[in-house]
N, C-alpha and C. Protein backbone atom coordinates (compact mmCIF):
# COMPACT_ATOMS: atom_id res chain seq x y z
N MET A 1 32.56 -27.31 14.25
CA MET A 1 32.94 -26.42 14.04
C MET A 1 31.09 -25.81 13.48
N LYS A 2 30.75 -26.62 13.01
CA LYS A 2 29.11 -26.24 12.40
C LYS A 2 28.47 -26.25 13.33
N MET A 3 28.61 -26.66 14.96
CA MET A 3 27.33 -27.24 15.79
C MET A 3 27.77 -26.06 16.49
N LYS A 4 29.11 -25.43 16.15
CA LYS A 4 29.01 -23.98 17.08
C LYS A 4 28.14 -22.66 16.66
N THR A 5 28.30 -22.49 15.32
CA THR A 5 27.28 -21.93 14.11
C THR A 5 26.49 -21.73 14.43
N PHE A 6 25.68 -23.00 14.67
CA PHE A 6 24.14 -22.96 14.47
C PHE A 6 23.60 -23.29 15.36
N LEU A 7 24.12 -23.38 17.12
CA LEU A 7 23.86 -23.07 18.33
C LEU A 7 23.70 -21.26 17.99
N THR A 8 24.75 -20.99 17.63
CA THR A 8 24.80 -19.47 18.31
C THR A 8 23.39 -18.80 17.34
N THR A 9 23.84 -19.17 16.08
CA THR A 9 22.74 -18.20 15.16
C THR A 9 21.65 -18.79 15.47
N PHE A 10 21.06 -19.47 16.49
CA PHE A 10 20.37 -19.67 17.07
C PHE A 10 19.81 -19.33 18.02
N VAL A 11 20.38 -19.62 19.12
CA VAL A 11 19.95 -18.30 19.75
C VAL A 11 20.41 -17.01 19.98
N LEU A 12 21.13 -16.25 18.94
CA LEU A 12 21.15 -15.27 18.29
C LEU A 12 19.41 -14.59 17.59
N LEU A 13 18.97 -15.44 16.88
CA LEU A 13 17.64 -15.72 16.37
C LEU A 13 17.14 -15.68 17.23
N LEU A 14 16.50 -16.57 18.20
CA LEU A 14 15.96 -17.24 19.29
C LEU A 14 15.75 -15.64 20.42
N TRP A 15 16.88 -14.78 20.44
CA TRP A 15 17.04 -13.40 20.97
C TRP A 15 16.55 -12.59 20.12
N LEU A 16 15.84 -12.11 19.37
CA LEU A 16 15.90 -11.59 18.62
C LEU A 16 14.19 -11.06 18.60
N THR A 17 14.00 -12.65 17.98
CA THR A 17 12.88 -12.65 18.53
C THR A 17 11.84 -12.53 19.68
N MET A 18 12.32 -12.85 20.41
CA MET A 18 11.66 -12.57 22.04
C MET A 18 11.83 -11.70 22.27
N THR A 19 13.04 -10.82 21.69
CA THR A 19 12.97 -8.92 21.98
C THR A 19 11.66 -8.73 20.80
N THR A 20 11.76 -8.77 19.56
CA THR A 20 10.81 -8.11 18.66
C THR A 20 9.52 -8.65 19.55
N LYS A 21 9.11 -9.46 19.38
CA LYS A 21 8.09 -9.89 20.08
C LYS A 21 7.13 -8.99 21.27
N ALA A 22 8.45 -8.65 22.15
CA ALA A 22 7.99 -7.35 23.19
C ALA A 22 7.61 -6.77 22.59
N GLN A 23 8.29 -5.94 21.92
CA GLN A 23 7.87 -4.42 20.81
C GLN A 23 6.55 -3.98 19.69
N THR A 24 5.99 -6.10 19.34
CA THR A 24 5.49 -5.60 18.23
C THR A 24 4.05 -5.37 19.03
N SER A 25 2.92 -5.24 18.01
CA SER A 25 1.68 -5.28 18.50
C SER A 25 0.57 -5.17 16.55
N TYR A 26 -0.33 -6.46 16.85
CA TYR A 26 -1.33 -6.25 15.59
C TYR A 26 -2.21 -4.46 15.45
N SER A 27 -2.16 -4.10 14.50
CA SER A 27 -2.82 -2.81 13.99
C SER A 27 -3.36 -3.62 12.54
N GLY A 28 -4.30 -2.03 12.09
CA GLY A 28 -5.26 -2.15 11.34
C GLY A 28 -5.32 -0.88 10.82
N ARG A 29 -5.76 -1.10 9.19
CA ARG A 29 -6.31 0.64 8.66
C ARG A 29 -7.56 0.17 8.16
N ILE A 30 -8.40 0.83 7.41
CA ILE A 30 -8.94 0.93 7.02
C ILE A 30 -9.22 2.70 6.24
N GLU A 31 -8.74 1.92 4.22
CA GLU A 31 -8.96 3.86 3.38
C GLU A 31 -9.69 3.16 2.85
N THR A 32 -10.01 4.67 2.59
CA THR A 32 -10.66 4.59 0.90
C THR A 32 -10.01 6.84 0.02
N GLY A 33 -10.05 6.38 -1.07
CA GLY A 33 -9.81 7.79 -1.37
C GLY A 33 -9.65 7.51 -3.22
N TYR A 34 -9.18 9.07 -3.48
CA TYR A 34 -9.75 9.14 -4.86
C TYR A 34 -7.95 8.69 -5.75
N MET A 35 -8.08 8.65 -6.82
CA MET A 35 -7.22 8.37 -7.51
C MET A 35 -7.37 9.16 -9.03
N ASN A 36 -6.30 10.38 -8.45
CA ASN A 36 -6.20 11.51 -10.01
C ASN A 36 -5.97 10.78 -11.01
N TYR A 37 -6.49 11.01 -12.50
CA TYR A 37 -5.78 10.22 -13.32
C TYR A 37 -4.68 11.35 -13.87
N LEU A 38 -3.13 11.53 -13.94
CA LEU A 38 -2.15 11.64 -14.61
C LEU A 38 -1.87 12.29 -15.58
N SER A 39 -1.56 10.59 -16.16
CA SER A 39 -0.88 10.70 -17.82
C SER A 39 0.06 8.94 -17.84
N ARG A 40 0.05 8.16 -19.05
CA ARG A 40 0.34 6.76 -19.26
C ARG A 40 1.87 7.00 -19.01
N THR A 41 2.45 6.00 -18.65
CA THR A 41 3.44 5.44 -18.67
C THR A 41 4.33 4.90 -19.85
N ILE A 42 3.09 4.90 -21.04
CA ILE A 42 3.91 3.86 -22.12
C ILE A 42 3.31 4.83 -22.79
N THR A 43 4.22 4.27 -24.68
CA THR A 43 3.50 4.83 -25.52
C THR A 43 3.34 3.34 -26.67
N VAL A 44 2.02 3.12 -26.81
CA VAL A 44 1.67 1.94 -27.69
C VAL A 44 1.89 2.24 -29.24
N ASP A 45 2.68 1.41 -30.22
CA ASP A 45 2.42 2.05 -31.59
C ASP A 45 1.43 1.00 -31.83
N PRO A 46 -0.31 1.26 -31.91
CA PRO A 46 -1.20 0.10 -32.12
C PRO A 46 -0.64 -0.84 -33.22
N GLY A 47 -1.29 -2.22 -32.51
CA GLY A 47 -1.05 -2.66 -33.80
C GLY A 47 -2.53 -3.80 -34.24
N PRO A 48 -2.57 -4.77 -35.29
CA PRO A 48 -4.05 -5.02 -35.56
C PRO A 48 -5.12 -5.48 -34.20
N ASN A 49 -5.01 -6.44 -32.78
CA ASN A 49 -4.96 -6.67 -32.10
C ASN A 49 -5.69 -5.94 -31.09
N TRP A 50 -4.56 -4.90 -31.09
CA TRP A 50 -4.96 -3.35 -29.60
C TRP A 50 -6.01 -3.36 -29.81
N LYS A 51 -6.55 -3.27 -28.01
CA LYS A 51 -7.94 -2.44 -28.07
C LYS A 51 -7.53 -1.25 -27.47
N GLY A 52 -6.63 -0.77 -27.14
CA GLY A 52 -6.17 0.52 -25.86
C GLY A 52 -6.17 0.25 -24.39
N TYR A 53 -5.68 1.54 -24.31
CA TYR A 53 -4.54 1.41 -23.14
C TYR A 53 -5.49 0.71 -21.66
N ASN A 54 -4.54 0.42 -21.31
CA ASN A 54 -6.26 -0.35 -20.05
C ASN A 54 -6.99 0.74 -19.69
N LEU A 55 -6.22 2.01 -19.18
CA LEU A 55 -7.54 3.38 -18.84
C LEU A 55 -7.55 3.97 -19.80
N ASP A 56 -8.37 3.32 -20.87
CA ASP A 56 -8.50 3.94 -22.25
C ASP A 56 -9.08 5.10 -22.54
N ASN A 57 -9.47 5.27 -21.53
CA ASN A 57 -10.22 7.07 -21.45
C ASN A 57 -9.95 8.18 -20.62
N ARG A 58 -8.16 7.27 -19.82
CA ARG A 58 -7.86 8.27 -19.16
C ARG A 58 -8.95 8.59 -17.39
N GLN A 59 -9.16 7.77 -17.26
CA GLN A 59 -9.95 7.39 -16.37
C GLN A 59 -9.53 7.14 -14.81
N ASN A 60 -10.57 8.45 -14.00
CA ASN A 60 -10.09 8.13 -12.51
C ASN A 60 -10.83 8.21 -11.60
N GLY A 61 -10.41 7.15 -10.45
CA GLY A 61 -11.27 6.39 -9.62
C GLY A 61 -10.83 6.57 -8.24
N PHE A 62 -11.64 5.23 -7.68
CA PHE A 62 -11.29 5.20 -6.01
C PHE A 62 -11.48 3.82 -5.32
N ASN A 63 -11.45 3.68 -4.55
CA ASN A 63 -10.62 2.65 -4.02
C ASN A 63 -11.33 2.67 -2.44
N PHE A 64 -11.52 1.41 -1.70
CA PHE A 64 -11.85 0.68 -1.15
C PHE A 64 -10.66 -0.24 0.21
N THR A 65 -10.00 0.20 0.98
CA THR A 65 -9.33 -0.61 1.62
C THR A 65 -9.06 -0.89 2.67
N SER A 66 -8.42 -1.75 2.88
CA SER A 66 -8.35 -2.70 4.06
C SER A 66 -6.60 -3.37 4.24
N ILE A 67 -5.87 -2.96 5.51
CA ILE A 67 -4.66 -3.76 5.93
C ILE A 67 -4.59 -3.96 7.12
N ASN A 68 -4.11 -5.45 7.34
CA ASN A 68 -3.75 -5.67 8.84
C ASN A 68 -2.20 -5.98 8.58
N GLY A 69 -1.94 -5.73 9.58
CA GLY A 69 0.10 -5.80 9.82
C GLY A 69 0.37 -5.83 11.46
N VAL A 70 1.48 -5.57 11.43
CA VAL A 70 1.58 -5.35 13.07
C VAL A 70 2.57 -4.23 13.25
N THR A 71 2.84 -2.82 14.23
CA THR A 71 3.47 -1.77 14.19
C THR A 71 5.43 -2.61 14.82
N PHE A 72 5.73 -1.80 14.84
CA PHE A 72 7.11 -1.46 15.63
C PHE A 72 7.92 -0.80 16.52
N GLN A 73 8.35 -0.60 17.24
CA GLN A 73 9.14 0.69 17.49
C GLN A 73 8.21 2.00 18.00
N ASP A 74 7.25 1.06 19.02
CA ASP A 74 6.99 2.09 19.76
C ASP A 74 5.70 2.82 18.88
N ARG A 75 5.11 2.01 17.88
CA ARG A 75 3.90 2.36 16.95
C ARG A 75 4.99 3.62 15.81
N LYS A 76 5.76 3.62 15.87
CA LYS A 76 6.33 4.08 14.46
C LYS A 76 6.48 3.50 13.54
N ILE A 77 6.51 2.32 13.20
CA ILE A 77 7.06 1.22 11.84
C ILE A 77 5.90 0.10 11.55
N PHE A 78 5.31 0.33 10.66
CA PHE A 78 3.95 -0.45 10.11
C PHE A 78 4.42 -0.88 9.32
N THR A 79 4.04 -1.76 9.54
CA THR A 79 4.13 -3.30 8.09
C THR A 79 2.86 -4.15 7.87
N GLY A 80 2.14 -4.59 6.80
CA GLY A 80 1.02 -5.31 6.90
C GLY A 80 0.93 -5.69 4.69
N ILE A 81 -0.38 -6.38 4.72
CA ILE A 81 -0.28 -7.05 3.90
C ILE A 81 -2.31 -6.26 3.34
N GLY A 82 -2.56 -5.32 2.57
CA GLY A 82 -3.38 -4.71 2.53
C GLY A 82 -4.13 -5.32 1.13
N LEU A 83 -5.70 -5.16 0.67
CA LEU A 83 -6.37 -5.72 -0.24
C LEU A 83 -7.68 -4.93 -0.05
N GLY A 84 -7.55 -4.57 -1.71
CA GLY A 84 -8.79 -2.89 -2.20
C GLY A 84 -9.65 -3.44 -3.43
N TYR A 85 -10.45 -2.99 -3.17
CA TYR A 85 -11.64 -2.82 -3.99
C TYR A 85 -11.15 -0.98 -4.77
N LEU A 86 -10.79 -1.70 -6.17
CA LEU A 86 -11.26 -0.12 -7.32
C LEU A 86 -11.90 0.28 -8.07
N ASN A 87 -12.42 1.10 -8.48
CA ASN A 87 -13.17 1.29 -9.89
C ASN A 87 -12.75 2.76 -10.21
N PHE A 88 -12.77 2.10 -11.26
CA PHE A 88 -11.92 3.43 -12.68
C PHE A 88 -13.37 3.90 -13.26
N ASP A 89 -14.11 4.71 -13.13
CA ASP A 89 -15.32 4.95 -13.61
C ASP A 89 -15.74 3.77 -13.88
N GLY A 90 -16.16 3.30 -13.19
CA GLY A 90 -17.10 1.63 -13.67
C GLY A 90 -16.00 0.24 -14.09
N ILE A 91 -14.79 0.96 -14.19
CA ILE A 91 -14.22 -0.84 -14.59
C ILE A 91 -13.54 -0.75 -12.99
N ALA A 92 -14.07 -1.66 -12.49
CA ALA A 92 -14.37 -2.88 -11.19
C ALA A 92 -12.11 -3.46 -10.98
N GLY A 93 -12.14 -3.53 -10.22
CA GLY A 93 -10.50 -4.19 -9.88
C GLY A 93 -9.92 -4.11 -8.40
N VAL A 94 -9.26 -5.50 -8.32
CA VAL A 94 -8.77 -5.71 -7.10
C VAL A 94 -7.25 -4.84 -7.10
N ALA A 95 -6.86 -4.94 -5.64
CA ALA A 95 -5.59 -4.60 -5.55
C ALA A 95 -5.02 -5.58 -4.22
N ILE A 96 -3.47 -6.01 -4.87
CA ILE A 96 -3.24 -6.89 -3.27
C ILE A 96 -1.73 -6.41 -3.26
N PHE A 97 -1.42 -5.43 -1.56
CA PHE A 97 -0.13 -5.41 -1.89
C PHE A 97 0.64 -5.54 -0.77
N GLY A 98 2.15 -5.04 -0.15
CA GLY A 98 2.38 -4.98 0.85
C GLY A 98 2.78 -3.34 0.97
N ASP A 99 2.18 -2.73 2.33
CA ASP A 99 3.14 -1.63 2.77
C ASP A 99 3.56 -1.44 4.12
N LEU A 100 3.97 -0.85 3.89
CA LEU A 100 5.47 -0.16 4.50
C LEU A 100 4.83 1.22 5.45
N GLU A 101 4.73 1.62 6.34
CA GLU A 101 4.97 3.15 6.58
C GLU A 101 5.20 3.47 7.94
N TYR A 102 5.91 4.59 7.82
CA TYR A 102 7.09 5.15 9.11
C TYR A 102 6.11 6.58 9.42
N LEU A 103 6.29 6.28 10.76
CA LEU A 103 5.77 7.93 12.25
C LEU A 103 6.58 8.61 12.17
N PRO A 104 8.14 9.28 12.15
CA PRO A 104 8.49 9.68 12.39
C PRO A 104 8.90 10.10 14.19
N PHE A 105 7.54 11.15 14.66
CA PHE A 105 7.31 11.15 15.92
C PHE A 105 5.96 10.09 16.16
N LYS A 106 6.02 10.36 17.87
CA LYS A 106 5.26 9.94 18.81
C LYS A 106 3.87 11.33 19.08
N LYS A 107 4.56 12.14 18.50
CA LYS A 107 3.28 13.36 18.91
C LYS A 107 1.97 12.90 18.61
N ARG A 108 0.82 13.72 19.08
CA ARG A 108 -0.16 13.17 18.30
C ARG A 108 -0.85 13.99 17.35
N LEU A 109 -0.32 14.91 16.82
CA LEU A 109 -0.40 15.24 15.58
C LEU A 109 1.30 14.86 14.46
N THR A 110 1.52 14.24 14.03
CA THR A 110 2.95 14.20 13.33
C THR A 110 2.92 13.85 11.23
N PRO A 111 4.02 13.60 10.59
CA PRO A 111 4.39 13.80 9.22
C PRO A 111 3.84 11.63 9.24
N MET A 112 3.99 11.38 8.18
CA MET A 112 3.36 9.73 7.79
C MET A 112 4.32 9.59 6.28
N LEU A 113 4.77 8.58 6.35
CA LEU A 113 5.56 8.79 5.09
C LEU A 113 4.88 7.03 5.36
N ASN A 114 4.69 6.36 3.23
CA ASN A 114 4.40 5.56 2.95
C ASN A 114 5.22 4.87 2.16
N LEU A 115 4.83 3.60 1.61
CA LEU A 115 5.65 2.61 0.45
C LEU A 115 4.50 1.50 0.46
N ARG A 116 3.35 1.28 -0.79
CA ARG A 116 3.09 0.26 -1.12
C ARG A 116 3.35 -0.48 -2.14
N LEU A 117 3.71 -1.68 -2.25
CA LEU A 117 4.37 -2.69 -3.68
C LEU A 117 3.41 -3.80 -3.35
N GLY A 118 2.98 -3.96 -4.59
CA GLY A 118 1.98 -4.87 -5.01
C GLY A 118 1.19 -5.20 -6.35
N TYR A 119 0.13 -6.10 -6.54
CA TYR A 119 -0.57 -6.34 -7.64
C TYR A 119 -2.06 -5.74 -7.97
N ASN A 120 -2.02 -4.78 -9.04
CA ASN A 120 -3.75 -5.15 -8.68
C ASN A 120 -4.41 -5.97 -10.49
N HIS A 121 -5.59 -5.82 -10.81
CA HIS A 121 -6.25 -6.00 -11.52
C HIS A 121 -7.35 -5.53 -11.99
N ILE A 122 -7.63 -5.10 -13.07
CA ILE A 122 -8.73 -5.04 -13.15
C ILE A 122 -9.22 -5.40 -14.84
N TRP A 123 -10.92 -5.56 -14.82
CA TRP A 123 -11.21 -5.99 -15.38
C TRP A 123 -11.93 -4.79 -16.49
N ASN A 124 -11.12 -4.82 -17.66
CA ASN A 124 -11.75 -3.50 -18.70
C ASN A 124 -11.43 -4.08 -20.05
N GLN A 125 -11.92 -3.78 -21.30
CA GLN A 125 -12.26 -4.29 -22.27
C GLN A 125 -11.62 -5.52 -22.64
N TYR A 126 -9.85 -5.64 -22.22
CA TYR A 126 -9.32 -6.99 -22.74
C TYR A 126 -10.01 -8.37 -21.93
N GLU A 127 -10.35 -9.46 -23.29
CA GLU A 127 -10.67 -10.59 -22.55
C GLU A 127 -10.21 -11.20 -20.57
N GLY A 128 -10.26 -10.88 -20.00
CA GLY A 128 -10.48 -11.53 -18.44
C GLY A 128 -9.09 -10.35 -17.54
N GLY A 129 -9.76 -9.09 -18.35
CA GLY A 129 -9.22 -7.90 -18.21
C GLY A 129 -7.93 -7.44 -17.93
N THR A 130 -7.20 -6.79 -17.43
CA THR A 130 -5.70 -7.13 -16.84
C THR A 130 -4.93 -6.46 -15.72
N GLY A 131 -3.71 -7.51 -15.53
CA GLY A 131 -3.33 -6.99 -14.21
C GLY A 131 -1.63 -7.03 -14.56
N THR A 132 -1.19 -5.38 -13.70
CA THR A 132 -0.24 -4.84 -13.89
C THR A 132 0.81 -5.19 -12.27
N MET A 133 2.00 -5.00 -11.80
CA MET A 133 2.24 -4.10 -10.77
C MET A 133 1.84 -2.43 -10.50
N LEU A 134 1.45 -2.27 -8.73
CA LEU A 134 1.40 -1.85 -8.14
C LEU A 134 2.14 -1.01 -7.75
N THR A 135 2.33 0.34 -7.19
CA THR A 135 3.53 0.98 -7.06
C THR A 135 2.81 1.98 -6.29
N GLU A 136 3.51 2.93 -5.04
CA GLU A 136 2.55 3.89 -4.05
C GLU A 136 3.49 4.38 -3.31
N PHE A 137 3.89 5.65 -3.61
CA PHE A 137 4.94 6.39 -2.51
C PHE A 137 4.10 7.34 -2.28
N GLY A 138 3.96 7.68 -0.86
CA GLY A 138 2.76 8.61 0.14
C GLY A 138 3.45 9.47 1.11
N LEU A 139 2.82 10.96 1.59
CA LEU A 139 3.31 11.09 2.23
C LEU A 139 1.52 11.95 2.79
N GLY A 140 1.86 12.35 3.92
CA GLY A 140 0.54 12.18 4.83
C GLY A 140 0.78 13.04 6.37
N ILE A 141 -0.45 13.34 7.36
CA ILE A 141 -0.37 14.28 7.98
C ILE A 141 -0.91 12.75 9.38
N ASN A 142 -0.59 12.34 10.27
CA ASN A 142 -1.22 11.27 11.14
C ASN A 142 -1.81 11.96 11.98
N TYR A 143 -3.43 12.00 12.69
CA TYR A 143 -3.84 12.83 14.00
C TYR A 143 -4.27 11.30 15.12
N LYS A 144 -3.07 11.49 16.05
CA LYS A 144 -3.63 10.48 17.45
C LYS A 144 -4.59 11.17 17.95
N ILE A 145 -6.05 9.84 18.09
CA ILE A 145 -6.74 10.23 18.17
C ILE A 145 -6.54 9.45 20.11
N LYS A 146 -6.13 8.16 20.26
CA LYS A 146 -5.86 7.30 21.47
C LYS A 146 -4.96 6.60 21.29
N GLU A 147 -4.60 6.29 21.97
CA GLU A 147 -2.61 5.45 20.94
C GLU A 147 -3.22 4.48 20.09
N ASN A 148 -4.28 4.09 20.18
CA ASN A 148 -4.30 2.40 19.69
C ASN A 148 -4.98 3.37 17.95
N PHE A 149 -5.68 4.50 18.17
CA PHE A 149 -6.83 5.20 16.96
C PHE A 149 -5.98 6.34 16.69
N GLY A 150 -6.26 6.51 15.30
CA GLY A 150 -5.94 7.44 14.95
C GLY A 150 -6.79 8.03 13.36
N LEU A 151 -6.71 9.46 12.81
CA LEU A 151 -7.52 9.51 11.17
C LEU A 151 -5.69 9.51 10.93
N TYR A 152 -5.37 9.64 9.15
CA TYR A 152 -4.43 9.87 8.37
C TYR A 152 -5.70 10.77 6.96
N ILE A 153 -4.62 11.44 6.66
CA ILE A 153 -4.61 11.38 5.28
C ILE A 153 -3.46 11.76 4.84
N LYS A 154 -3.61 11.78 3.09
CA LYS A 154 -1.94 11.00 3.04
C LYS A 154 -1.81 11.37 1.39
N SER A 155 -1.37 11.94 0.06
CA SER A 155 -1.19 11.94 -1.25
C SER A 155 0.10 11.68 -1.99
N GLY A 156 0.77 10.96 -2.82
CA GLY A 156 1.15 11.16 -3.19
C GLY A 156 1.79 10.42 -4.55
N ILE A 157 2.46 9.59 -5.59
CA ILE A 157 1.90 9.67 -6.41
C ILE A 157 1.78 7.72 -7.01
N MET A 158 0.69 6.99 -7.86
CA MET A 158 0.80 5.70 -8.08
C MET A 158 0.84 5.25 -9.52
N ILE A 159 1.24 4.28 -9.31
CA ILE A 159 1.82 3.94 -11.00
C ILE A 159 1.73 2.40 -10.76
N THR A 160 0.32 2.38 -11.56
CA THR A 160 -0.57 1.27 -12.22
C THR A 160 -1.79 1.15 -13.64
N GLN A 161 -1.22 -0.48 -13.97
CA GLN A 161 -2.34 0.19 -15.40
C GLN A 161 -1.11 0.73 -16.53
N HIS A 162 -0.23 0.83 -16.37
CA HIS A 162 0.90 1.80 -17.14
C HIS A 162 -0.21 3.56 -17.11
N SER A 163 -0.18 3.34 -16.33
CA SER A 163 -0.93 5.30 -15.56
C SER A 163 -0.21 5.36 -14.75
N PHE A 164 0.16 7.34 -14.56
CA PHE A 164 0.70 7.93 -13.13
C PHE A 164 -1.11 7.65 -12.57
N LEU A 165 -0.69 8.30 -11.36
CA LEU A 165 -2.15 8.38 -10.81
C LEU A 165 -1.44 8.98 -9.77
N LEU A 166 -2.76 9.76 -9.32
CA LEU A 166 -1.90 11.16 -8.02
C LEU A 166 -3.13 10.61 -6.89
N PRO A 167 -3.45 9.82 -5.64
CA PRO A 167 -4.31 9.16 -5.13
C PRO A 167 -4.12 10.78 -4.07
N LEU A 168 -5.49 10.57 -3.06
CA LEU A 168 -5.56 11.55 -2.26
C LEU A 168 -6.64 10.19 -1.06
N THR A 169 -5.51 10.12 -0.16
CA THR A 169 -6.60 9.12 1.24
C THR A 169 -6.73 9.65 2.05
N LEU A 170 -8.40 8.83 2.65
CA LEU A 170 -8.50 9.11 4.03
C LEU A 170 -8.65 8.16 4.62
N GLY A 171 -8.09 7.75 5.88
CA GLY A 171 -7.84 6.17 6.65
C GLY A 171 -8.19 6.88 8.20
N PHE A 172 -8.21 5.37 9.02
CA PHE A 172 -8.32 5.24 9.79
C PHE A 172 -8.15 3.99 10.73
N ARG A 173 -6.79 4.72 11.04
CA ARG A 173 -6.69 3.10 11.98
C ARG A 173 -6.64 3.05 13.25
N TYR A 174 -6.16 1.52 13.84
CA TYR A 174 -6.89 1.22 14.86
C TYR A 174 -5.75 -0.16 15.34
């Protein structure tokens, strides 16, 4: 009985892999954006060794990001891994994250939904800097120039470094 279950599972996974592979393709994106500081997510009762909030002067920032991954469903769904450079008014940092994006229509101009989950690290006033989780929800507009090339603009809400930020991002899809 176990052998039958194993073979059935193996055949189904093989079939799923072959059919999915026929519908996937490599894709990448390059983005740059501005992150407007909104508010803190926590309030701290300072102790003797406390040096301030991670973004201690409520800094705005900018980023430059490269994302590489695959598209599914006729280029409607993108999933990938991104690496970015961050700068919050002189405090540099890096981000690594998973990216999921959905384009509901195959038209030249279409809305887009985006979700990012990951980690970022900034070198601020703390020795060695601080690292926190990165979460971003975004909505935007994608303009398809050719089948594999497009421009987009998006905004949303970002939570990182114990702060809420409003990102405005301009990107190029290839």
